Amino acid sequence: TYLTGVFSGLIVLISYVFILNAILRIRSAEGRLRAFSTCTSHLTAVT
């Protein structure tokens, strides 16, 4: 449980840290919203 949860969870967490960093660097609000909208479904399912 720990190995599966921690290892796969770390992949998800690290991926979203980089994703969030990339989204925050997008200048336009519309661009940030469009980029984040591609992840919301997956983030909801993961949670």
All heavy atoms as atom14 arrays in JSON, in Angstrom:
{
  "sequence": "TYLTGVFSGLIVLISYVFILNAILRIRSAEGRLRAFSTCTSHLTAVT",
  "atom14_mask": [
    [1, 1, 1, 1, 1, 1, 1, 0, 0, 0, 0, 0, 0, 0],
    [1, 1, 1, 1, 1, 1, 1, 1, 1, 1, 1, 1, 0, 0],
    [1, 1, 1, 1, 1, 1, 1, 1, 0, 0, 0, 0, 0, 0],
    [1, 1, 1, 1, 1, 1, 1, 0, 0, 0, 0, 0, 0, 0],
    [1, 1, 1, 1, 0, 0, 0, 0, 0, 0, 0, 0, 0, 0],
    [1, 1, 1, 1, 1, 1, 1, 0, 0, 0, 0, 0, 0, 0],
    [1, 1, 1, 1, 1, 1, 1, 1, 1, 1, 1, 0, 0, 0],
    [1, 1, 1, 1, 1, 1, 0, 0, 0, 0, 0, 0, 0, 0],
    [1, 1, 1, 1, 0, 0, 0, 0, 0, 0, 0, 0, 0, 0],
    [1, 1, 1, 1, 1, 1, 1, 1, 0, 0, 0, 0, 0, 0],
    [1, 1, 1, 1, 1, 1, 1, 1, 0, 0, 0, 0, 0, 0],
    [1, 1, 1, 1, 1, 1, 1, 0, 0, 0, 0, 0, 0, 0],
    [1, 1, 1, 1, 1, 1, 1, 1, 0, 0, 0, 0, 0, 0],
    [1, 1, 1, 1, 1, 1, 1, 1, 0, 0, 0, 0, 0, 0],
    [1, 1, 1, 1, 1, 1, 0, 0, 0, 0, 0, 0, 0, 0],
    [1, 1, 1, 1, 1, 1, 1, 1, 1, 1, 1, 1, 0, 0],
    [1, 1, 1, 1, 1, 1, 1, 0, 0, 0, 0, 0, 0, 0],
    [1, 1, 1, 1, 1, 1, 1, 1, 1, 1, 1, 0, 0, 0],
    [1, 1, 1, 1, 1, 1, 1, 1, 0, 0, 0, 0, 0, 0],
    [1, 1, 1, 1, 1, 1, 1, 1, 0, 0, 0, 0, 0, 0],
    [1, 1, 1, 1, 1, 1, 1, 1, 0, 0, 0, 0, 0, 0],
    [1, 1, 1, 1, 1, 0, 0, 0, 0, 0, 0, 0, 0, 0],
    [1, 1, 1, 1, 1, 1, 1, 1, 0, 0, 0, 0, 0, 0],
    [1, 1, 1, 1, 1, 1, 1, 1, 0, 0, 0, 0, 0, 0],
    [1, 1, 1, 1, 1, 1, 1, 1, 1, 1, 1, 0, 0, 0],
    [1, 1, 1, 1, 1, 1, 1, 1, 0, 0, 0, 0, 0, 0],
    [1, 1, 1, 1, 1, 1, 1, 1, 1, 1, 1, 0, 0, 0],
    [1, 1, 1, 1, 1, 1, 0, 0, 0, 0, 0, 0, 0, 0],
    [1, 1, 1, 1, 1, 0, 0, 0, 0, 0, 0, 0, 0, 0],
    [1, 1, 1, 1, 1, 1, 1, 1, 1, 0, 0, 0, 0, 0],
    [1, 1, 1, 1, 0, 0, 0, 0, 0, 0, 0, 0, 0, 0],
    [1, 1, 1, 1, 1, 1, 1, 1, 1, 1, 1, 0, 0, 0],
    [1, 1, 1, 1, 1, 1, 1, 1, 0, 0, 0, 0, 0, 0],
    [1, 1, 1, 1, 1, 1, 1, 1, 1, 1, 1, 0, 0, 0],
    [1, 1, 1, 1, 1, 0, 0, 0, 0, 0, 0, 0, 0, 0],
    [1, 1, 1, 1, 1, 1, 1, 1, 1, 1, 1, 0, 0, 0],
    [1, 1, 1, 1, 1, 1, 0, 0, 0, 0, 0, 0, 0, 0],
    [1, 1, 1, 1, 1, 1, 1, 0, 0, 0, 0, 0, 0, 0],
    [1, 1, 1, 1, 1, 1, 0, 0, 0, 0, 0, 0, 0, 0],
    [1, 1, 1, 1, 1, 1, 1, 0, 0, 0, 0, 0, 0, 0],
    [1, 1, 1, 1, 1, 1, 0, 0, 0, 0, 0, 0, 0, 0],
    [1, 1, 1, 1, 1, 1, 1, 1, 1, 1, 0, 0, 0, 0],
    [1, 1, 1, 1, 1, 1, 1, 1, 0, 0, 0, 0, 0, 0],
    [1, 1, 1, 1, 1, 1, 1, 0, 0, 0, 0, 0, 0, 0],
    [1, 1, 1, 1, 1, 0, 0, 0, 0, 0, 0, 0, 0, 0],
    [1, 1, 1, 1, 1, 1, 1, 0, 0, 0, 0, 0, 0, 0],
    [1, 1, 1, 1, 1, 1, 1, 0, 0, 0, 0, 0, 0, 0]
  ],
  "atom14_positions": [
    [[0.83, -1.21, 0.0], [0.0, 0.0, 0.0], [0.86, 1.26, 0.0], [0.63, 2.18, -0.78], [-0.93, 0.02, 1.22], [-1.74, -1.16, 1.21], [-1.84, 1.24, 1.19], [0.0, 0.0, 0.0], [0.0, 0.0, 0.0], [0.0, 0.0, 0.0], [0.0, 0.0, 0.0], [0.0, 0.0, 0.0], [0.0, 0.0, 0.0], [0.0, 0.0, 0.0]],
    [[1.88, 1.26, 0.88], [2.77, 2.43, 0.94], [3.57, 2.59, -0.35], [3.67, 3.69, -0.9], [3.71, 2.31, 2.14], [3.16, 2.89, 3.42], [2.77, 2.07, 4.47], [3.02, 4.26, 3.58], [2.25, 2.6, 5.64], [2.49, 4.8, 4.74], [2.12, 3.96, 5.78], [1.6, 4.5, 6.93], [0.0, 0.0, 0.0], [0.0, 0.0, 0.0]],
    [[4.16, 1.47, -0.83], [4.99, 1.56, -2.04], [4.17, 2.0, -3.24], [4.58, 2.87, -4.01], [5.66, 0.2, -2.31], [6.79, -0.19, -1.37], [7.26, -1.61, -1.66], [7.96, 0.78, -1.49], [0.0, 0.0, 0.0], [0.0, 0.0, 0.0], [0.0, 0.0, 0.0], [0.0, 0.0, 0.0], [0.0, 0.0, 0.0], [0.0, 0.0, 0.0]],
    [[2.99, 1.39, -3.4], [2.13, 1.75, -4.52], [1.65, 3.18, -4.41], [1.75, 3.96, -5.36], [0.91, 0.8, -4.58], [1.36, -0.55, -4.71], [0.02, 1.15, -5.77], [0.0, 0.0, 0.0], [0.0, 0.0, 0.0], [0.0, 0.0, 0.0], [0.0, 0.0, 0.0], [0.0, 0.0, 0.0], [0.0, 0.0, 0.0], [0.0, 0.0, 0.0]],
    [[1.13, 3.51, -3.21], [0.6, 4.86, -3.01], [1.66, 5.93, -3.1], [1.48, 6.96, -3.77], [0.0, 0.0, 0.0], [0.0, 0.0, 0.0], [0.0, 0.0, 0.0], [0.0, 0.0, 0.0], [0.0, 0.0, 0.0], [0.0, 0.0, 0.0], [0.0, 0.0, 0.0], [0.0, 0.0, 0.0], [0.0, 0.0, 0.0], [0.0, 0.0, 0.0]],
    [[2.82, 5.68, -2.44], [3.88, 6.7, -2.42], [4.52, 6.85, -3.79], [4.71, 7.97, -4.28], [4.94, 6.35, -1.35], [6.15, 7.26, -1.47], [4.34, 6.46, 0.04], [0.0, 0.0, 0.0], [0.0, 0.0, 0.0], [0.0, 0.0, 0.0], [0.0, 0.0, 0.0], [0.0, 0.0, 0.0], [0.0, 0.0, 0.0], [0.0, 0.0, 0.0]],
    [[4.88, 5.73, -4.43], [5.59, 5.81, -5.71], [4.71, 6.43, -6.79], [5.11, 7.4, -7.46], [6.05, 4.42, -6.14], [6.89, 4.43, -7.39], [8.16, 4.96, -7.39], [6.38, 3.9, -8.58], [8.94, 4.98, -8.55], [7.14, 3.92, -9.74], [8.42, 4.45, -9.72], [0.0, 0.0, 0.0], [0.0, 0.0, 0.0], [0.0, 0.0, 0.0]],
    [[3.5, 5.88, -6.96], [2.62, 6.44, -8.0], [2.15, 7.84, -7.6], [2.01, 8.72, -8.46], [1.41, 5.52, -8.22], [0.66, 5.36, -7.03], [0.0, 0.0, 0.0], [0.0, 0.0, 0.0], [0.0, 0.0, 0.0], [0.0, 0.0, 0.0], [0.0, 0.0, 0.0], [0.0, 0.0, 0.0], [0.0, 0.0, 0.0], [0.0, 0.0, 0.0]],
    [[1.95, 8.05, -6.29], [1.53, 9.38, -5.82], [2.6, 10.43, -6.05], [2.3, 11.58, -6.39], [0.0, 0.0, 0.0], [0.0, 0.0, 0.0], [0.0, 0.0, 0.0], [0.0, 0.0, 0.0], [0.0, 0.0, 0.0], [0.0, 0.0, 0.0], [0.0, 0.0, 0.0], [0.0, 0.0, 0.0], [0.0, 0.0, 0.0], [0.0, 0.0, 0.0]],
    [[3.88, 10.04, -5.87], [4.97, 10.98, -6.13], [5.04, 11.37, -7.6], [5.33, 12.53, -7.93], [6.31, 10.36, -5.69], [6.67, 10.5, -4.21], [7.96, 9.76, -3.9], [6.79, 11.97, -3.82], [0.0, 0.0, 0.0], [0.0, 0.0, 0.0], [0.0, 0.0, 0.0], [0.0, 0.0, 0.0], [0.0, 0.0, 0.0], [0.0, 0.0, 0.0]],
    [[4.79, 10.4, -8.48], [4.78, 10.7, -9.91], [3.71, 11.74, -10.21], [3.94, 12.72, -10.94], [4.55, 9.42, -10.74], [5.72, 8.45, -10.56], [4.36, 9.77, -12.22], [5.51, 7.11, -11.23], [0.0, 0.0, 0.0], [0.0, 0.0, 0.0], [0.0, 0.0, 0.0], [0.0, 0.0, 0.0], [0.0, 0.0, 0.0], [0.0, 0.0, 0.0]],
    [[2.53, 11.53, -9.63], [1.43, 12.49, -9.82], [1.78, 13.85, -9.24], [1.62, 14.88, -9.89], [0.13, 11.96, -9.18], [-0.98, 13.0, -9.25], [-0.33, 10.67, -9.85], [0.0, 0.0, 0.0], [0.0, 0.0, 0.0], [0.0, 0.0, 0.0], [0.0, 0.0, 0.0], [0.0, 0.0, 0.0], [0.0, 0.0, 0.0], [0.0, 0.0, 0.0]],
    [[2.3, 13.85, -8.01], [2.62, 15.11, -7.32], [3.69, 15.9, -8.06], [3.54, 17.11, -8.29], [3.06, 14.81, -5.89], [3.42, 16.03, -5.02], [2.21, 16.94, -4.85], [3.96, 15.57, -3.66], [0.0, 0.0, 0.0], [0.0, 0.0, 0.0], [0.0, 0.0, 0.0], [0.0, 0.0, 0.0], [0.0, 0.0, 0.0], [0.0, 0.0, 0.0]],
    [[4.79, 15.22, -8.41], [5.89, 15.9, -9.1], [5.42, 16.43, -10.46], [5.76, 17.55, -10.86], [7.1, 14.95, -9.26], [7.7, 14.64, -7.89], [8.16, 15.57, -10.18], [8.74, 13.54, -7.91], [0.0, 0.0, 0.0], [0.0, 0.0, 0.0], [0.0, 0.0, 0.0], [0.0, 0.0, 0.0], [0.0, 0.0, 0.0], [0.0, 0.0, 0.0]],
    [[4.63, 15.62, -11.16], [4.11, 16.05, -12.46], [3.3, 17.33, -12.33], [3.46, 18.29, -13.1], [3.25, 14.95, -13.09], [4.0, 13.8, -13.36], [0.0, 0.0, 0.0], [0.0, 0.0, 0.0], [0.0, 0.0, 0.0], [0.0, 0.0, 0.0], [0.0, 0.0, 0.0], [0.0, 0.0, 0.0], [0.0, 0.0, 0.0], [0.0, 0.0, 0.0]],
    [[2.45, 17.39, -11.3], [1.59, 18.55, -11.14], [2.33, 19.76, -10.58], [1.9, 20.91, -10.81], [0.37, 18.21, -10.29], [-0.75, 17.65, -11.13], [-0.99, 16.28, -11.17], [-1.52, 18.48, -11.94], [-2.0, 15.76, -11.97], [-2.52, 17.97, -12.74], [-2.76, 16.6, -12.75], [-3.74, 16.08, -13.56], [0.0, 0.0, 0.0], [0.0, 0.0, 0.0]],
    [[3.43, 19.55, -9.88], [4.28, 20.69, -9.46], [4.85, 21.37, -10.69], [4.82, 22.61, -10.82], [5.4, 20.21, -8.51], [6.44, 21.33, -8.34], [4.83, 19.82, -7.16], [0.0, 0.0, 0.0], [0.0, 0.0, 0.0], [0.0, 0.0, 0.0], [0.0, 0.0, 0.0], [0.0, 0.0, 0.0], [0.0, 0.0, 0.0], [0.0, 0.0, 0.0]],
    [[5.37, 20.57, -11.62], [5.91, 21.13, -12.86], [4.81, 21.74, -13.72], [5.01, 22.77, -14.36], [6.67, 20.05, -13.65], [8.05, 19.77, -13.13], [8.3, 18.64, -12.37], [9.1, 20.64, -13.4], [9.57, 18.38, -11.87], [10.38, 20.39, -12.92], [10.62, 19.26, -12.14], [0.0, 0.0, 0.0], [0.0, 0.0, 0.0], [0.0, 0.0, 0.0]],
    [[3.65, 21.08, -13.76], [2.51, 21.6, -14.54], [2.07, 22.96, -13.99], [1.87, 23.92, -14.76], [1.34, 20.6, -14.51], [1.66, 19.38, -15.37], [0.05, 21.26, -15.0], [0.66, 18.24, -15.22], [0.0, 0.0, 0.0], [0.0, 0.0, 0.0], [0.0, 0.0, 0.0], [0.0, 0.0, 0.0], [0.0, 0.0, 0.0], [0.0, 0.0, 0.0]],
    [[1.93, 23.05, -12.66], [1.52, 24.31, -12.05], [2.53, 25.41, -12.32], [2.15, 26.56, -12.62], [1.34, 24.11, -10.54], [0.84, 25.33, -9.75], [-0.53, 25.77, -10.25], [0.79, 25.01, -8.26], [0.0, 0.0, 0.0], [0.0, 0.0, 0.0], [0.0, 0.0, 0.0], [0.0, 0.0, 0.0], [0.0, 0.0, 0.0], [0.0, 0.0, 0.0]],
    [[3.81, 25.07, -12.24], [4.86, 26.05, -12.52], [4.79, 26.54, -13.96], [4.93, 27.75, -14.23], [6.23, 25.42, -12.24], [7.37, 26.41, -12.41], [7.33, 27.51, -11.87], [8.38, 26.02, -13.17], [0.0, 0.0, 0.0], [0.0, 0.0, 0.0], [0.0, 0.0, 0.0], [0.0, 0.0, 0.0], [0.0, 0.0, 0.0], [0.0, 0.0, 0.0]],
    [[4.53, 25.61, -14.89], [4.43, 25.99, -16.31], [3.18, 26.85, -16.56], [3.24, 27.82, -17.33], [4.39, 24.74, -17.17], [0.0, 0.0, 0.0], [0.0, 0.0, 0.0], [0.0, 0.0, 0.0], [0.0, 0.0, 0.0], [0.0, 0.0, 0.0], [0.0, 0.0, 0.0], [0.0, 0.0, 0.0], [0.0, 0.0, 0.0], [0.0, 0.0, 0.0]],
    [[2.08, 26.52, -15.91], [0.84, 27.28, -16.09], [1.0, 28.71, -15.56], [0.54, 29.68, -16.18], [-0.34, 26.56, -15.39], [-0.7, 25.27, -16.14], [-1.56, 27.48, -15.31], [-1.77, 24.43, -15.46], [0.0, 0.0, 0.0], [0.0, 0.0, 0.0], [0.0, 0.0, 0.0], [0.0, 0.0, 0.0], [0.0, 0.0, 0.0], [0.0, 0.0, 0.0]],
    [[1.66, 28.86, -14.41], [1.85, 30.18, -13.82], [2.75, 31.07, -14.67], [2.69, 32.31, -14.55], [2.43, 30.05, -12.41], [1.49, 29.43, -11.36], [2.21, 29.26, -10.02], [0.22, 30.26, -11.19], [0.0, 0.0, 0.0], [0.0, 0.0, 0.0], [0.0, 0.0, 0.0], [0.0, 0.0, 0.0], [0.0, 0.0, 0.0], [0.0, 0.0, 0.0]],
    [[3.55, 30.46, -15.54], [4.43, 31.25, -16.42], [3.71, 31.75, -17.68], [4.25, 32.56, -18.42], [5.66, 30.44, -16.83], [6.64, 30.18, -15.68], [8.04, 29.9, -16.21], [8.05, 28.85, -17.21], [8.27, 27.56, -16.95], [8.49, 27.18, -15.7], [8.28, 26.66, -17.9], [0.0, 0.0, 0.0], [0.0, 0.0, 0.0], [0.0, 0.0, 0.0]],
    [[2.51, 31.21, -17.91], [1.73, 31.67, -19.05], [1.2, 33.07, -18.76], [0.61, 33.31, -17.7], [0.56, 30.7, -19.35], [1.1, 29.3, -19.69], [-0.3, 31.22, -20.5], [0.03, 28.25, -19.85], [0.0, 0.0, 0.0], [0.0, 0.0, 0.0], [0.0, 0.0, 0.0], [0.0, 0.0, 0.0], [0.0, 0.0, 0.0], [0.0, 0.0, 0.0]],
    [[1.39, 33.99, -19.68], [1.08, 35.4, -19.41], [-0.42, 35.68, -19.4], [-0.91, 36.41, -18.53], [1.77, 36.28, -20.45], [3.29, 36.24, -20.34], [3.94, 37.17, -21.35], [5.4, 37.15, -21.22], [6.22, 37.88, -21.97], [5.72, 38.68, -22.9], [7.52, 37.8, -21.8], [0.0, 0.0, 0.0], [0.0, 0.0, 0.0], [0.0, 0.0, 0.0]],
    [[-1.16, 35.14, -20.35], [-2.58, 35.47, -20.44], [-3.41, 34.6, -19.5], [-3.13, 33.41, -19.32], [-3.08, 35.3, -21.87], [-3.09, 33.94, -22.24], [0.0, 0.0, 0.0], [0.0, 0.0, 0.0], [0.0, 0.0, 0.0], [0.0, 0.0, 0.0], [0.0, 0.0, 0.0], [0.0, 0.0, 0.0], [0.0, 0.0, 0.0], [0.0, 0.0, 0.0]],
    [[-4.44, 35.22, -18.92], [-5.34, 34.47, -18.04], [-6.09, 33.39, -18.81], [-6.33, 32.3, -18.3], [-6.33, 35.43, -17.38], [0.0, 0.0, 0.0], [0.0, 0.0, 0.0], [0.0, 0.0, 0.0], [0.0, 0.0, 0.0], [0.0, 0.0, 0.0], [0.0, 0.0, 0.0], [0.0, 0.0, 0.0], [0.0, 0.0, 0.0], [0.0, 0.0, 0.0]],
    [[-6.44, 33.7, -20.06], [-7.15, 32.73, -20.89], [-6.28, 31.51, -21.17], [-6.75, 30.36, -21.14], [-7.57, 33.39, -22.2], [-8.38, 32.47, -23.11], [-8.73, 33.14, -24.43], [-8.48, 34.36, -24.58], [-9.25, 32.42, -25.31], [0.0, 0.0, 0.0], [0.0, 0.0, 0.0], [0.0, 0.0, 0.0], [0.0, 0.0, 0.0], [0.0, 0.0, 0.0]],
    [[-4.99, 31.76, -21.42], [-4.06, 30.66, -21.68], [-3.88, 29.79, -20.45], [-3.83, 28.56, -20.56], [0.0, 0.0, 0.0], [0.0, 0.0, 0.0], [0.0, 0.0, 0.0], [0.0, 0.0, 0.0], [0.0, 0.0, 0.0], [0.0, 0.0, 0.0], [0.0, 0.0, 0.0], [0.0, 0.0, 0.0], [0.0, 0.0, 0.0], [0.0, 0.0, 0.0]],
    [[-3.77, 30.43, -19.28], [-3.63, 29.65, -18.03], [-4.87, 28.79, -17.78], [-4.76, 27.64, -17.38], [-3.4, 30.6, -16.85], [-2.02, 31.24, -16.81], [-1.72, 31.86, -15.46], [-2.65, 32.96, -15.16], [-2.42, 34.22, -15.46], [-1.3, 34.56, -16.09], [-3.28, 35.16, -15.15], [0.0, 0.0, 0.0], [0.0, 0.0, 0.0], [0.0, 0.0, 0.0]],
    [[-6.04, 29.38, -18.02], [-7.29, 28.65, -17.81], [-7.4, 27.46, -18.77], [-7.81, 26.37, -18.37], [-8.48, 29.59, -17.99], [-9.87, 28.98, -17.73], [-9.97, 28.51, -16.28], [-10.96, 30.0, -18.04], [0.0, 0.0, 0.0], [0.0, 0.0, 0.0], [0.0, 0.0, 0.0], [0.0, 0.0, 0.0], [0.0, 0.0, 0.0], [0.0, 0.0, 0.0]],
    [[-7.02, 27.68, -20.04], [-7.09, 26.61, -21.02], [-6.14, 25.47, -20.67], [-6.49, 24.28, -20.79], [-6.76, 27.16, -22.41], [-7.06, 26.15, -23.53], [-6.59, 26.63, -24.9], [-7.08, 27.97, -25.19], [-6.3, 29.04, -25.32], [-4.98, 28.93, -25.15], [-6.8, 30.22, -25.61], [0.0, 0.0, 0.0], [0.0, 0.0, 0.0], [0.0, 0.0, 0.0]],
    [[-4.93, 25.83, -20.24], [-3.96, 24.8, -19.87], [-4.41, 24.01, -18.65], [-4.32, 22.78, -18.61], [-2.6, 25.45, -19.6], [0.0, 0.0, 0.0], [0.0, 0.0, 0.0], [0.0, 0.0, 0.0], [0.0, 0.0, 0.0], [0.0, 0.0, 0.0], [0.0, 0.0, 0.0], [0.0, 0.0, 0.0], [0.0, 0.0, 0.0], [0.0, 0.0, 0.0]],
    [[-4.93, 24.73, -17.64], [-5.36, 24.05, -16.42], [-6.59, 23.19, -16.65], [-6.76, 22.16, -16.0], [-5.64, 25.08, -15.33], [-5.91, 24.47, -13.98], [-4.89, 23.87, -13.26], [-7.19, 24.47, -13.44], [-5.14, 23.29, -12.02], [-7.45, 23.89, -12.21], [-6.41, 23.31, -11.49], [0.0, 0.0, 0.0], [0.0, 0.0, 0.0], [0.0, 0.0, 0.0]],
    [[-7.45, 23.61, -17.59], [-8.69, 22.85, -17.85], [-8.41, 21.47, -18.39], [-9.23, 20.56, -18.24], [-9.58, 23.63, -18.82], [-8.97, 23.72, -20.09], [0.0, 0.0, 0.0], [0.0, 0.0, 0.0], [0.0, 0.0, 0.0], [0.0, 0.0, 0.0], [0.0, 0.0, 0.0], [0.0, 0.0, 0.0], [0.0, 0.0, 0.0], [0.0, 0.0, 0.0]],
    [[-7.23, 21.28, -19.02], [-6.89, 19.95, -19.55], [-6.51, 18.98, -18.43], [-6.41, 17.77, -18.66], [-5.72, 20.04, -20.55], [-4.54, 20.49, -19.86], [-6.04, 21.0, -21.68], [0.0, 0.0, 0.0], [0.0, 0.0, 0.0], [0.0, 0.0, 0.0], [0.0, 0.0, 0.0], [0.0, 0.0, 0.0], [0.0, 0.0, 0.0], [0.0, 0.0, 0.0]],
    [[-6.28, 19.51, -17.22], [-5.85, 18.67, -16.09], [-6.91, 18.47, -15.03], [-6.77, 17.59, -14.18], [-4.62, 19.3, -15.41], [-3.24, 19.61, -16.5], [0.0, 0.0, 0.0], [0.0, 0.0, 0.0], [0.0, 0.0, 0.0], [0.0, 0.0, 0.0], [0.0, 0.0, 0.0], [0.0, 0.0, 0.0], [0.0, 0.0, 0.0], [0.0, 0.0, 0.0]],
    [[-7.96, 19.29, -15.04], [-8.92, 19.25, -13.93], [-9.63, 17.9, -13.81], [-9.87, 17.42, -12.7], [-9.97, 20.37, -14.09], [-10.54, 20.3, -15.4], [-9.34, 21.73, -13.88], [0.0, 0.0, 0.0], [0.0, 0.0, 0.0], [0.0, 0.0, 0.0], [0.0, 0.0, 0.0], [0.0, 0.0, 0.0], [0.0, 0.0, 0.0], [0.0, 0.0, 0.0]],
    [[-9.97, 17.29, -14.94], [-10.66, 16.0, -14.89], [-9.78, 14.94, -14.25], [-10.21, 14.19, -13.37], [-11.06, 15.56, -16.31], [-11.96, 16.47, -16.89], [0.0, 0.0, 0.0], [0.0, 0.0, 0.0], [0.0, 0.0, 0.0], [0.0, 0.0, 0.0], [0.0, 0.0, 0.0], [0.0, 0.0, 0.0], [0.0, 0.0, 0.0], [0.0, 0.0, 0.0]],
    [[-8.52, 14.88, -14.69], [-7.59, 13.9, -14.14], [-7.32, 14.17, -12.67], [-7.28, 13.25, -11.85], [-6.28, 13.93, -14.92], [-5.24, 12.99, -14.38], [-4.21, 13.43, -13.57], [-5.11, 11.64, -14.48], [-3.47, 12.39, -13.23], [-3.99, 11.3, -13.75], [0.0, 0.0, 0.0], [0.0, 0.0, 0.0], [0.0, 0.0, 0.0], [0.0, 0.0, 0.0]],
    [[-7.16, 15.43, -12.3], [-6.89, 15.79, -10.91], [-8.06, 15.41, -10.01], [-7.87, 14.93, -8.89], [-6.61, 17.29, -10.82], [-5.89, 17.81, -9.58], [-4.57, 17.07, -9.37], [-5.64, 19.3, -9.71], [0.0, 0.0, 0.0], [0.0, 0.0, 0.0], [0.0, 0.0, 0.0], [0.0, 0.0, 0.0], [0.0, 0.0, 0.0], [0.0, 0.0, 0.0]],
    [[-9.27, 15.59, -10.5], [-10.47, 15.19, -9.74], [-10.51, 13.68, -9.53], [-10.76, 13.2, -8.42], [-11.74, 15.65, -10.47], [-11.7, 17.06, -10.69], [-12.98, 15.3, -9.67], [0.0, 0.0, 0.0], [0.0, 0.0, 0.0], [0.0, 0.0, 0.0], [0.0, 0.0, 0.0], [0.0, 0.0, 0.0], [0.0, 0.0, 0.0], [0.0, 0.0, 0.0]],
    [[-10.24, 12.93, -10.6], [-10.25, 11.46, -10.5], [-9.17, 10.96, -9.56], [-9.41, 10.04, -8.76], [-10.05, 10.86, -11.9], [0.0, 0.0, 0.0], [0.0, 0.0, 0.0], [0.0, 0.0, 0.0], [0.0, 0.0, 0.0], [0.0, 0.0, 0.0], [0.0, 0.0, 0.0], [0.0, 0.0, 0.0], [0.0, 0.0, 0.0], [0.0, 0.0, 0.0]],
    [[-7.99, 11.56, -9.61], [-6.88, 11.17, -8.74], [-7.22, 11.42, -7.27], [-6.99, 10.56, -6.4], [-5.6, 11.94, -9.12], [-4.54, 11.83, -8.01], [-5.03, 11.4, -10.42], [0.0, 0.0, 0.0], [0.0, 0.0, 0.0], [0.0, 0.0, 0.0], [0.0, 0.0, 0.0], [0.0, 0.0, 0.0], [0.0, 0.0, 0.0], [0.0, 0.0, 0.0]],
    [[-7.78, 12.58, -6.99], [-8.13, 12.94, -5.61], [-9.14, 11.96, -5.02], [-8.98, 11.49, -3.88], [-8.69, 14.37, -5.56], [-7.73, 15.28, -6.11], [-9.01, 14.77, -4.13], [0.0, 0.0, 0.0], [0.0, 0.0, 0.0], [0.0, 0.0, 0.0], [0.0, 0.0, 0.0], [0.0, 0.0, 0.0], [0.0, 0.0, 0.0], [0.0, 0.0, 0.0]]
  ]
}
